[in-house]
């Protein structure tokens, strides 16, 4: 079952592992999660917004 949950720091690696391949396939950007240091610093809030993440359990 997939749930949408408020992002917490423990999800950073999983989020990075999802985003990097999307950048590669959808946008043709040849980059890995390790080459995207911004993905290791996902803020809990940005200008009053919150980041949410799907979680597979």
N, C-alpha and C. Protein backbone atom coordinates (compact mmCIF):
# COMPACT_ATOMS: atom_id res chain seq x y z
N UNK A 1 0.84 -1.17 0.00
CA UNK A 1 0.00 0.00 0.00
C UNK A 1 0.89 1.24 0.00
N UNK A 2 0.52 2.24 -0.77
CA UNK A 2 1.26 3.50 -0.82
C UNK A 2 0.48 4.55 -0.04
N UNK A 3 1.19 5.23 0.83
CA UNK A 3 0.61 6.33 1.59
C UNK A 3 1.36 7.61 1.26
N UNK A 4 0.66 8.73 1.30
CA UNK A 4 1.30 10.04 1.15
C UNK A 4 1.49 10.59 2.55
N UNK A 5 2.74 10.86 2.90
CA UNK A 5 3.05 11.34 4.24
C UNK A 5 3.86 12.62 4.17
N UNK A 6 3.79 13.38 5.23
CA UNK A 6 4.63 14.56 5.34
C UNK A 6 6.08 14.09 5.33
N UNK A 7 6.90 14.78 4.58
CA UNK A 7 8.31 14.43 4.45
C UNK A 7 9.02 14.55 5.79
N UNK A 8 9.86 13.55 6.09
CA UNK A 8 10.74 13.60 7.25
C UNK A 8 12.15 13.24 6.76
N UNK A 9 13.18 13.66 7.47
CA UNK A 9 14.55 13.43 7.00
C UNK A 9 14.88 11.97 6.67
N UNK A 10 14.26 11.02 7.31
CA UNK A 10 14.55 9.61 7.01
C UNK A 10 14.18 9.23 5.59
N UNK A 11 13.37 10.02 4.91
CA UNK A 11 12.94 9.72 3.54
C UNK A 11 13.90 10.28 2.49
N UNK A 12 14.92 11.05 2.89
CA UNK A 12 15.78 11.74 1.92
C UNK A 12 16.38 10.80 0.88
N UNK A 13 16.97 9.72 1.30
CA UNK A 13 17.62 8.81 0.35
C UNK A 13 16.62 8.24 -0.65
N UNK A 14 15.47 7.82 -0.16
CA UNK A 14 14.45 7.27 -1.05
C UNK A 14 13.94 8.28 -2.05
N UNK A 15 13.75 9.51 -1.60
CA UNK A 15 13.30 10.58 -2.50
C UNK A 15 14.35 10.83 -3.57
N UNK A 16 15.61 10.90 -3.15
CA UNK A 16 16.70 11.13 -4.11
C UNK A 16 16.77 10.00 -5.13
N UNK A 17 16.55 8.77 -4.69
CA UNK A 17 16.60 7.62 -5.59
C UNK A 17 15.43 7.61 -6.58
N UNK A 18 14.37 8.29 -6.26
CA UNK A 18 13.24 8.41 -7.19
C UNK A 18 13.46 9.58 -8.15
N UNK A 19 13.93 10.70 -7.63
CA UNK A 19 14.06 11.92 -8.44
C UNK A 19 15.17 11.80 -9.49
N UNK A 20 16.32 11.24 -9.14
CA UNK A 20 17.44 11.18 -10.08
C UNK A 20 17.09 10.43 -11.37
N UNK A 21 16.48 9.25 -11.31
CA UNK A 21 16.12 8.57 -12.57
C UNK A 21 15.08 9.34 -13.39
N UNK A 22 14.20 10.06 -12.72
CA UNK A 22 13.23 10.88 -13.46
C UNK A 22 13.97 11.95 -14.24
N UNK A 23 14.93 12.60 -13.60
CA UNK A 23 15.72 13.62 -14.30
C UNK A 23 16.46 13.01 -15.49
N UNK A 24 16.94 11.80 -15.31
CA UNK A 24 17.66 11.14 -16.40
C UNK A 24 16.74 10.80 -17.57
N UNK A 25 15.62 10.16 -17.28
CA UNK A 25 14.72 9.69 -18.35
C UNK A 25 13.88 10.81 -18.95
N UNK A 26 13.27 11.60 -18.11
CA UNK A 26 12.33 12.60 -18.60
C UNK A 26 13.00 13.82 -19.22
N UNK A 27 14.15 14.21 -18.64
CA UNK A 27 14.79 15.45 -19.07
C UNK A 27 16.15 15.25 -19.72
N UNK A 28 16.61 13.99 -19.82
CA UNK A 28 17.88 13.71 -20.47
C UNK A 28 19.09 14.21 -19.70
N UNK A 29 18.95 14.39 -18.40
CA UNK A 29 20.05 14.88 -17.58
C UNK A 29 20.83 13.68 -17.06
N UNK A 30 22.08 13.56 -17.47
CA UNK A 30 22.90 12.43 -17.05
C UNK A 30 23.52 12.74 -15.68
N UNK A 31 22.77 12.43 -14.62
CA UNK A 31 23.20 12.76 -13.27
C UNK A 31 22.71 11.69 -12.31
N UNK A 32 23.46 11.45 -11.27
CA UNK A 32 23.07 10.48 -10.26
C UNK A 32 22.64 11.23 -9.00
N UNK A 33 22.01 10.52 -8.10
CA UNK A 33 21.60 11.12 -6.83
C UNK A 33 22.82 11.64 -6.07
N UNK A 34 23.94 10.94 -6.16
CA UNK A 34 25.16 11.38 -5.47
C UNK A 34 25.68 12.71 -6.01
N UNK A 35 25.36 13.00 -7.26
CA UNK A 35 25.80 14.25 -7.89
C UNK A 35 24.82 15.40 -7.66
N UNK A 36 23.79 15.14 -6.92
CA UNK A 36 22.77 16.15 -6.61
C UNK A 36 22.76 16.43 -5.10
N UNK A 37 23.70 17.21 -4.59
CA UNK A 37 23.75 17.45 -3.15
C UNK A 37 22.50 18.14 -2.62
N UNK A 38 21.77 18.83 -3.49
CA UNK A 38 20.54 19.48 -3.04
C UNK A 38 19.49 18.45 -2.60
N UNK A 39 19.56 17.25 -3.15
CA UNK A 39 18.60 16.22 -2.76
C UNK A 39 18.86 15.71 -1.34
N UNK A 40 20.06 15.92 -0.83
CA UNK A 40 20.37 15.53 0.54
C UNK A 40 19.94 16.61 1.53
N UNK A 41 19.51 17.75 1.00
CA UNK A 41 19.13 18.88 1.86
C UNK A 41 17.71 19.35 1.58
N UNK A 42 16.81 18.42 1.41
CA UNK A 42 15.42 18.78 1.17
C UNK A 42 14.87 19.42 2.44
N UNK A 43 14.37 20.65 2.33
CA UNK A 43 13.86 21.31 3.53
C UNK A 43 12.53 20.72 3.98
N UNK A 44 12.28 20.81 5.25
CA UNK A 44 10.99 20.33 5.77
C UNK A 44 9.88 21.29 5.38
N UNK A 45 10.21 22.57 5.29
CA UNK A 45 9.24 23.56 4.81
C UNK A 45 9.97 24.55 3.91
N UNK A 46 9.25 25.12 2.97
CA UNK A 46 9.77 26.14 2.08
C UNK A 46 8.70 27.20 1.91
N UNK A 47 8.97 28.38 2.38
CA UNK A 47 8.03 29.50 2.26
C UNK A 47 6.62 29.10 2.70
N UNK A 48 6.55 28.38 3.80
CA UNK A 48 5.25 28.02 4.34
C UNK A 48 4.64 26.76 3.75
N UNK A 49 5.26 26.21 2.70
CA UNK A 49 4.75 24.97 2.10
C UNK A 49 5.43 23.79 2.77
N UNK A 50 4.82 22.64 2.63
CA UNK A 50 5.41 21.42 3.16
C UNK A 50 5.63 20.44 2.01
N UNK A 51 6.65 19.63 2.15
CA UNK A 51 6.97 18.62 1.15
C UNK A 51 6.37 17.29 1.60
N UNK A 52 5.73 16.60 0.69
CA UNK A 52 5.14 15.31 1.00
C UNK A 52 5.79 14.24 0.14
N UNK A 53 5.74 13.01 0.59
CA UNK A 53 6.40 11.92 -0.09
C UNK A 53 5.53 10.67 -0.07
N UNK A 54 5.50 9.94 -1.19
CA UNK A 54 4.81 8.64 -1.13
C UNK A 54 5.67 7.65 -0.37
N UNK A 55 5.04 6.81 0.40
CA UNK A 55 5.75 5.80 1.20
C UNK A 55 5.10 4.45 0.93
N UNK A 56 5.90 3.51 0.49
CA UNK A 56 5.42 2.16 0.22
C UNK A 56 5.63 1.31 1.45
N UNK A 57 4.57 0.70 1.93
CA UNK A 57 4.67 -0.15 3.12
C UNK A 57 4.19 -1.54 2.81
